[in-house]
Amino acid sequence: MSLDAAVFNERPIADEFSGAFASDPAASILKHAVKIWARDHGVAENDLTRVTEMVVGFAKSAIRDCERKIHVVA
């Protein structure tokens, strides 16, 4: 299975932080940029939402991981 197929078949994970990031301007810009990138790379329109949510979810988890490491060190 290709990476593209795996991404499209995977269901996005909803978490308790989804609402908190809904009005975040950085998240909106990231979603817009990912949609533009995905369209330029041939991602089907009906898969755009899933791809953008997965990328934003990954970004949120990376930020939370860094925040945890900072709190542990401090």
PDB file of N, CA and C in Angstrom:
ATOM      1  N   MET A   1       0.843  -1.167   0.000  1.00  0.00           N
ATOM      2  CA  MET A   1       0.000   0.000   0.000  1.00  0.00           C
ATOM      3  C   MET A   1       0.895   1.238   0.000  1.00  0.00           C
ATOM      4  N   SER A   2       0.562   2.187  -0.843  1.00  0.00           N
ATOM      5  CA  SER A   2       1.347   3.407  -0.910  1.00  0.00           C
ATOM      6  C   SER A   2       1.019   4.314   0.275  1.00  0.00           C
ATOM      7  N   LEU A   3       1.880   5.293   0.497  1.00  0.00           N
ATOM      8  CA  LEU A   3       1.652   6.252   1.575  1.00  0.00           C
ATOM      9  C   LEU A   3       0.350   7.003   1.332  1.00  0.00           C
ATOM     10  N   ASP A   4       0.091   7.395   0.092  1.00  0.00           N
ATOM     11  CA  ASP A   4      -1.147   8.107  -0.227  1.00  0.00           C
ATOM     12  C   ASP A   4      -2.363   7.279   0.144  1.00  0.00           C
ATOM     13  N   ALA A   5      -2.356   6.015  -0.207  1.00  0.00           N
ATOM     14  CA  ALA A   5      -3.488   5.145   0.108  1.00  0.00           C
ATOM     15  C   ALA A   5      -3.655   5.008   1.615  1.00  0.00           C
ATOM     16  N   ALA A   6      -2.562   4.898   2.334  1.00  0.00           N
ATOM     17  CA  ALA A   6      -2.630   4.774   3.788  1.00  0.00           C
ATOM     18  C   ALA A   6      -3.198   6.046   4.411  1.00  0.00           C
ATOM     19  N   VAL A   7      -2.799   7.199   3.904  1.00  0.00           N
ATOM     20  CA  VAL A   7      -3.289   8.465   4.433  1.00  0.00           C
ATOM     21  C   VAL A   7      -4.784   8.600   4.200  1.00  0.00           C
ATOM     22  N   PHE A   8      -5.242   8.245   3.016  1.00  0.00           N
ATOM     23  CA  PHE A   8      -6.648   8.409   2.688  1.00  0.00           C
ATOM     24  C   PHE A   8      -7.530   7.395   3.400  1.00  0.00           C
ATOM     25  N   ASN A   9      -6.985   6.249   3.751  1.00  0.00           N
ATOM     26  CA  ASN A   9      -7.766   5.229   4.433  1.00  0.00           C
ATOM     27  C   ASN A   9      -7.800   5.424   5.941  1.00  0.00           C
ATOM     28  N   GLU A  10      -6.865   6.193   6.472  1.00  0.00           N
ATOM     29  CA  GLU A  10      -6.798   6.413   7.919  1.00  0.00           C
ATOM     30  C   GLU A  10      -7.830   7.460   8.320  1.00  0.00           C
ATOM     31  N   ARG A  11      -8.519   7.198   9.420  1.00  0.00           N
ATOM     32  CA  ARG A  11      -9.508   8.138   9.919  1.00  0.00           C
ATOM     33  C   ARG A  11      -8.827   9.126  10.849  1.00  0.00           C
ATOM     34  N   PRO A  12      -9.134  10.420  10.710  1.00  0.00           N
ATOM     35  CA  PRO A  12      -8.528  11.406  11.604  1.00  0.00           C
ATOM     36  C   PRO A  12      -8.977  11.182  13.045  1.00  0.00           C
ATOM     37  N   ILE A  13      -8.088  11.465  13.969  1.00  0.00           N
ATOM     38  CA  ILE A  13      -8.375  11.261  15.382  1.00  0.00           C
ATOM     39  C   ILE A  13      -8.855  12.585  15.968  1.00  0.00           C
ATOM     40  N   ALA A  14     -10.055  12.577  16.522  1.00  0.00           N
ATOM     41  CA  ALA A  14     -10.574  13.770  17.184  1.00  0.00           C
ATOM     42  C   ALA A  14     -10.047  13.779  18.612  1.00  0.00           C
ATOM     43  N   ASP A  15      -9.652  14.951  19.074  1.00  0.00           N
ATOM     44  CA  ASP A  15      -9.170  15.037  20.447  1.00  0.00           C
ATOM     45  C   ASP A  15      -9.840  16.195  21.167  1.00  0.00           C
ATOM     46  N   GLU A  16      -9.552  16.307  22.433  1.00  0.00           N
ATOM     47  CA  GLU A  16     -10.193  17.323  23.245  1.00  0.00           C
ATOM     48  C   GLU A  16      -9.739  18.730  22.910  1.00  0.00           C
ATOM     49  N   PHE A  17      -8.678  18.877  22.119  1.00  0.00           N
ATOM     50  CA  PHE A  17      -8.157  20.194  21.786  1.00  0.00           C
ATOM     51  C   PHE A  17      -8.748  20.758  20.495  1.00  0.00           C
ATOM     52  N   SER A  18      -9.560  20.006  19.783  1.00  0.00           N
ATOM     53  CA  SER A  18     -10.075  20.436  18.491  1.00  0.00           C
ATOM     54  C   SER A  18     -10.782  21.781  18.566  1.00  0.00           C
ATOM     55  N   GLY A  19     -11.651  21.963  19.541  1.00  0.00           N
ATOM     56  CA  GLY A  19     -12.380  23.217  19.668  1.00  0.00           C
ATOM     57  C   GLY A  19     -11.475  24.378  20.021  1.00  0.00           C
ATOM     58  N   ALA A  20     -10.466  24.123  20.826  1.00  0.00           N
ATOM     59  CA  ALA A  20      -9.568  25.183  21.260  1.00  0.00           C
ATOM     60  C   ALA A  20      -8.766  25.760  20.104  1.00  0.00           C
ATOM     61  N   PHE A  21      -8.479  24.957  19.097  1.00  0.00           N
ATOM     62  CA  PHE A  21      -7.677  25.415  17.981  1.00  0.00           C
ATOM     63  C   PHE A  21      -8.531  25.927  16.820  1.00  0.00           C
ATOM     64  N   ALA A  22      -9.855  25.836  16.927  1.00  0.00           N
ATOM     65  CA  ALA A  22     -10.727  26.184  15.807  1.00  0.00           C
ATOM     66  C   ALA A  22     -10.578  27.636  15.395  1.00  0.00           C
ATOM     67  N   SER A  23     -10.375  28.542  16.341  1.00  0.00           N
ATOM     68  CA  SER A  23     -10.267  29.956  16.007  1.00  0.00           C
ATOM     69  C   SER A  23      -8.817  30.424  15.906  1.00  0.00           C
ATOM     70  N   ASP A  24      -7.876  29.525  15.984  1.00  0.00           N
ATOM     71  CA  ASP A  24      -6.460  29.866  15.923  1.00  0.00           C
ATOM     72  C   ASP A  24      -6.087  30.300  14.508  1.00  0.00           C
ATOM     73  N   PRO A  25      -5.596  31.539  14.335  1.00  0.00           N
ATOM     74  CA  PRO A  25      -5.229  32.012  12.998  1.00  0.00           C
ATOM     75  C   PRO A  25      -4.129  31.165  12.358  1.00  0.00           C
ATOM     76  N   ALA A  26      -3.181  30.691  13.152  1.00  0.00           N
ATOM     77  CA  ALA A  26      -2.099  29.872  12.593  1.00  0.00           C
ATOM     78  C   ALA A  26      -2.651  28.568  12.032  1.00  0.00           C
ATOM     79  N   ALA A  27      -3.602  27.949  12.725  1.00  0.00           N
ATOM     80  CA  ALA A  27      -4.204  26.711  12.235  1.00  0.00           C
ATOM     81  C   ALA A  27      -4.966  26.962  10.939  1.00  0.00           C
ATOM     82  N   SER A  28      -5.653  28.101  10.852  1.00  0.00           N
ATOM     83  CA  SER A  28      -6.381  28.442   9.623  1.00  0.00           C
ATOM     84  C   SER A  28      -5.437  28.622   8.448  1.00  0.00           C
ATOM     85  N   ILE A  29      -4.321  29.295   8.697  1.00  0.00           N
ATOM     86  CA  ILE A  29      -3.329  29.503   7.631  1.00  0.00           C
ATOM     87  C   ILE A  29      -2.731  28.171   7.208  1.00  0.00           C
ATOM     88  N   LEU A  30      -2.415  27.310   8.186  1.00  0.00           N
ATOM     89  CA  LEU A  30      -1.857  25.998   7.864  1.00  0.00           C
ATOM     90  C   LEU A  30      -2.837  25.176   7.034  1.00  0.00           C
ATOM     91  N   LYS A  31      -4.114  25.168   7.425  1.00  0.00           N
ATOM     92  CA  LYS A  31      -5.119  24.428   6.656  1.00  0.00           C
ATOM     93  C   LYS A  31      -5.199  24.939   5.229  1.00  0.00           C
ATOM     94  N   HIS A  32      -5.202  26.250   5.069  1.00  0.00           N
ATOM     95  CA  HIS A  32      -5.281  26.838   3.730  1.00  0.00           C
ATOM     96  C   HIS A  32      -4.057  26.450   2.895  1.00  0.00           C
ATOM     97  N   ALA A  33      -2.881  26.533   3.495  1.00  0.00           N
ATOM     98  CA  ALA A  33      -1.650  26.183   2.778  1.00  0.00           C
ATOM     99  C   ALA A  33      -1.628  24.706   2.380  1.00  0.00           C
ATOM    100  N   VAL A  34      -2.097  23.839   3.282  1.00  0.00           N
ATOM    101  CA  VAL A  34      -2.124  22.402   2.980  1.00  0.00           C
ATOM    102  C   VAL A  34      -3.106  22.121   1.847  1.00  0.00           C
ATOM    103  N   LYS A  35      -4.260  22.786   1.859  1.00  0.00           N
ATOM    104  CA  LYS A  35      -5.223  22.591   0.772  1.00  0.00           C
ATOM    105  C   LYS A  35      -4.637  23.011  -0.569  1.00  0.00           C
ATOM    106  N   ILE A  36      -3.938  24.134  -0.598  1.00  0.00           N
ATOM    107  CA  ILE A  36      -3.304  24.584  -1.843  1.00  0.00           C
ATOM    108  C   ILE A  36      -2.258  23.571  -2.291  1.00  0.00           C
ATOM    109  N   TRP A  37      -1.410  23.125  -1.356  1.00  0.00           N
ATOM    110  CA  TRP A  37      -0.380  22.141  -1.688  1.00  0.00           C
ATOM    111  C   TRP A  37      -1.008  20.854  -2.212  1.00  0.00           C
ATOM    112  N   ALA A  38      -2.037  20.391  -1.530  1.00  0.00           N
ATOM    113  CA  ALA A  38      -2.684  19.131  -1.907  1.00  0.00           C
ATOM    114  C   ALA A  38      -3.306  19.230  -3.299  1.00  0.00           C
ATOM    115  N   ARG A  39      -3.971  20.328  -3.588  1.00  0.00           N
ATOM    116  CA  ARG A  39      -4.555  20.508  -4.924  1.00  0.00           C
ATOM    117  C   ARG A  39      -3.463  20.512  -5.984  1.00  0.00           C
ATOM    118  N   ASP A  40      -2.363  21.206  -5.694  1.00  0.00           N
ATOM    119  CA  ASP A  40      -1.246  21.259  -6.650  1.00  0.00           C
ATOM    120  C   ASP A  40      -0.622  19.892  -6.881  1.00  0.00           C
ATOM    121  N   HIS A  41      -0.770  18.985  -5.917  1.00  0.00           N
ATOM    122  CA  HIS A  41      -0.179  17.649  -6.022  1.00  0.00           C
ATOM    123  C   HIS A  41      -1.197  16.570  -6.378  1.00  0.00           C
ATOM    124  N   GLY A  42      -2.365  16.987  -6.855  1.00  0.00           N
ATOM    125  CA  GLY A  42      -3.329  16.050  -7.396  1.00  0.00           C
ATOM    126  C   GLY A  42      -4.223  15.330  -6.405  1.00  0.00           C
ATOM    127  N   VAL A  43      -4.327  15.835  -5.194  1.00  0.00           N
ATOM    128  CA  VAL A  43      -5.225  15.210  -4.217  1.00  0.00           C
ATOM    129  C   VAL A  43      -6.658  15.546  -4.623  1.00  0.00           C
ATOM    130  N   ALA A  44      -7.522  14.549  -4.612  1.00  0.00           N
ATOM    131  CA  ALA A  44      -8.920  14.739  -4.994  1.00  0.00           C
ATOM    132  C   ALA A  44      -9.618  15.683  -4.018  1.00  0.00           C
ATOM    133  N   GLU A  45     -10.551  16.446  -4.525  1.00  0.00           N
ATOM    134  CA  GLU A  45     -11.276  17.423  -3.705  1.00  0.00           C
ATOM    135  C   GLU A  45     -11.951  16.784  -2.490  1.00  0.00           C
ATOM    136  N   ASN A  46     -12.515  15.595  -2.664  1.00  0.00           N
ATOM    137  CA  ASN A  46     -13.214  14.961  -1.539  1.00  0.00           C
ATOM    138  C   ASN A  46     -12.259  14.439  -0.470  1.00  0.00           C
ATOM    139  N   ASP A  47     -10.954  14.432  -0.722  1.00  0.00           N
ATOM    140  CA  ASP A  47      -9.963  14.004   0.274  1.00  0.00           C
ATOM    141  C   ASP A  47      -9.250  15.174   0.942  1.00  0.00           C
ATOM    142  N   LEU A  48      -9.507  16.399   0.491  1.00  0.00           N
ATOM    143  CA  LEU A  48      -8.788  17.561   1.020  1.00  0.00           C
ATOM    144  C   LEU A  48      -9.015  17.759   2.519  1.00  0.00           C
ATOM    145  N   THR A  49     -10.241  17.636   2.960  1.00  0.00           N
ATOM    146  CA  THR A  49     -10.532  17.862   4.379  1.00  0.00           C
ATOM    147  C   THR A  49      -9.796  16.862   5.251  1.00  0.00           C
ATOM    148  N   ARG A  50      -9.816  15.598   4.853  1.00  0.00           N
ATOM    149  CA  ARG A  50      -9.138  14.562   5.640  1.00  0.00           C
ATOM    150  C   ARG A  50      -7.631  14.822   5.696  1.00  0.00           C
ATOM    151  N   VAL A  51      -7.037  15.169   4.571  1.00  0.00           N
ATOM    152  CA  VAL A  51      -5.591  15.421   4.541  1.00  0.00           C
ATOM    153  C   VAL A  51      -5.243  16.626   5.410  1.00  0.00           C
ATOM    154  N   THR A  52      -6.009  17.717   5.285  1.00  0.00           N
ATOM    155  CA  THR A  52      -5.697  18.902   6.081  1.00  0.00           C
ATOM    156  C   THR A  52      -5.875  18.638   7.569  1.00  0.00           C
ATOM    157  N   GLU A  53      -6.910  17.909   7.947  1.00  0.00           N
ATOM    158  CA  GLU A  53      -7.111  17.608   9.366  1.00  0.00           C
ATOM    159  C   GLU A  53      -5.988  16.729   9.914  1.00  0.00           C
ATOM    160  N   MET A  54      -5.496  15.820   9.101  1.00  0.00           N
ATOM    161  CA  MET A  54      -4.386  14.968   9.555  1.00  0.00           C
ATOM    162  C   MET A  54      -3.113  15.786   9.745  1.00  0.00           C
ATOM    163  N   VAL A  55      -2.839  16.707   8.820  1.00  0.00           N
ATOM    164  CA  VAL A  55      -1.634  17.541   8.939  1.00  0.00           C
ATOM    165  C   VAL A  55      -1.747  18.449  10.156  1.00  0.00           C
ATOM    166  N   VAL A  56      -2.898  19.079  10.334  1.00  0.00           N
ATOM    167  CA  VAL A  56      -3.088  19.953  11.496  1.00  0.00           C
ATOM    168  C   VAL A  56      -3.014  19.138  12.785  1.00  0.00           C
ATOM    169  N   GLY A  57      -3.583  17.950  12.786  1.00  0.00           N
ATOM    170  CA  GLY A  57      -3.491  17.081  13.963  1.00  0.00           C
ATOM    171  C   GLY A  57      -2.058  16.728  14.302  1.00  0.00           C
ATOM    172  N   PHE A  58      -1.264  16.446  13.265  1.00  0.00           N
ATOM    173  CA  PHE A  58       0.148  16.147  13.497  1.00  0.00           C
ATOM    174  C   PHE A  58       0.866  17.368  14.065  1.00  0.00           C
ATOM    175  N   ALA A  59       0.580  18.540  13.510  1.00  0.00           N
ATOM    176  CA  ALA A  59       1.221  19.766  13.997  1.00  0.00           C
ATOM    177  C   ALA A  59       0.855  20.022  15.461  1.00  0.00           C
ATOM    178  N   LYS A  60      -0.421  19.840  15.805  1.00  0.00           N
ATOM    179  CA  LYS A  60      -0.858  20.039  17.195  1.00  0.00           C
ATOM    180  C   LYS A  60      -0.157  19.069  18.140  1.00  0.00           C
ATOM    181  N   SER A  61      -0.049  17.811  17.728  1.00  0.00           N
ATOM    182  CA  SER A  61       0.599  16.834  18.604  1.00  0.00           C
ATOM    183  C   SER A  61       2.083  17.130  18.768  1.00  0.00           C
ATOM    184  N   ALA A  62       2.723  17.611  17.704  1.00  0.00           N
ATOM    185  CA  ALA A  62       4.140  17.976  17.797  1.00  0.00           C
ATOM    186  C   ALA A  62       4.331  19.152  18.753  1.00  0.00           C
ATOM    187  N   ILE A  63       3.420  20.115  18.688  1.00  0.00           N
ATOM    188  CA  ILE A  63       3.509  21.267  19.592  1.00  0.00           C
ATOM    189  C   ILE A  63       3.295  20.826  21.031  1.00  0.00           C
ATOM    190  N   ARG A  64       2.295  19.980  21.263  1.00  0.00           N
ATOM    191  CA  ARG A  64       2.049  19.496  22.628  1.00  0.00           C
ATOM    192  C   ARG A  64       3.233  18.701  23.161  1.00  0.00           C
ATOM    193  N   ASP A  65       3.860  17.889  22.305  1.00  0.00           N
ATOM    194  CA  ASP A  65       5.033  17.121  22.736  1.00  0.00           C
ATOM    195  C   ASP A  65       6.159  18.052  23.156  1.00  0.00           C
ATOM    196  N   CYS A  66       6.383  19.105  22.387  1.00  0.00           N
ATOM    197  CA  CYS A  66       7.437  20.073  22.729  1.00  0.00           C
ATOM    198  C   CYS A  66       7.104  20.798  24.028  1.00  0.00           C
ATOM    199  N   GLU A  67       5.829  21.151  24.199  1.00  0.00           N
ATOM    200  CA  GLU A  67       5.438  21.827  25.435  1.00  0.00           C
ATOM    201  C   GLU A  67       5.670  20.934  26.643  1.00  0.00           C
ATOM    202  N   ARG A  68       5.383  19.645  26.512  1.00  0.00           N
ATOM    203  CA  ARG A  68       5.620  18.710  27.621  1.00  0.00           C
ATOM    204  C   ARG A  68       7.105  18.630  27.954  1.00  0.00           C
ATOM    205  N   LYS A  69       7.946  18.590  26.938  1.00  0.00           N
ATOM    206  CA  LYS A  69       9.385  18.504  27.165  1.00  0.00           C
ATOM    207  C   LYS A  69       9.891  19.759  27.841  1.00  0.00           C
ATOM    208  N   ILE A  70       9.352  20.910  27.465  1.00  0.00           N
ATOM    209  CA  ILE A  70       9.773  22.161  28.083  1.00  0.00           C
ATOM    210  C   ILE A  70       9.383  22.183  29.562  1.00  0.00           C
ATOM    211  N   HIS A  71       8.170  21.703  29.875  1.00  0.00           N
ATOM    212  CA  HIS A  71       7.719  21.691  31.266  1.00  0.00           C
ATOM    213  C   HIS A  71       8.532  20.716  32.104  1.00  0.00           C
ATOM    214  N   VAL A  72       8.963  19.629  31.517  1.00  0.00           N
ATOM    215  CA  VAL A  72       9.765  18.642  32.249  1.00  0.00           C
ATOM    216  C   VAL A  72      11.134  19.214  32.567  1.00  0.00           C
ATOM    217  N   VAL A  73      11.732  19.930  31.617  1.00  0.00           N
ATOM    218  CA  VAL A  73      13.060  20.494  31.800  1.00  0.00           C
ATOM    219  C   VAL A  73      13.025  21.672  32.772  1.00  0.00           C
ATOM    220  N   ALA A  74      11.991  22.474  32.683  1.00  0.00           N
ATOM    221  CA  ALA A  74      11.915  23.705  33.503  1.00  0.00           C
ATOM    222  C   ALA A  74      11.638  23.454  34.925  1.00  0.00           C
TER     223      ALA A  74
END
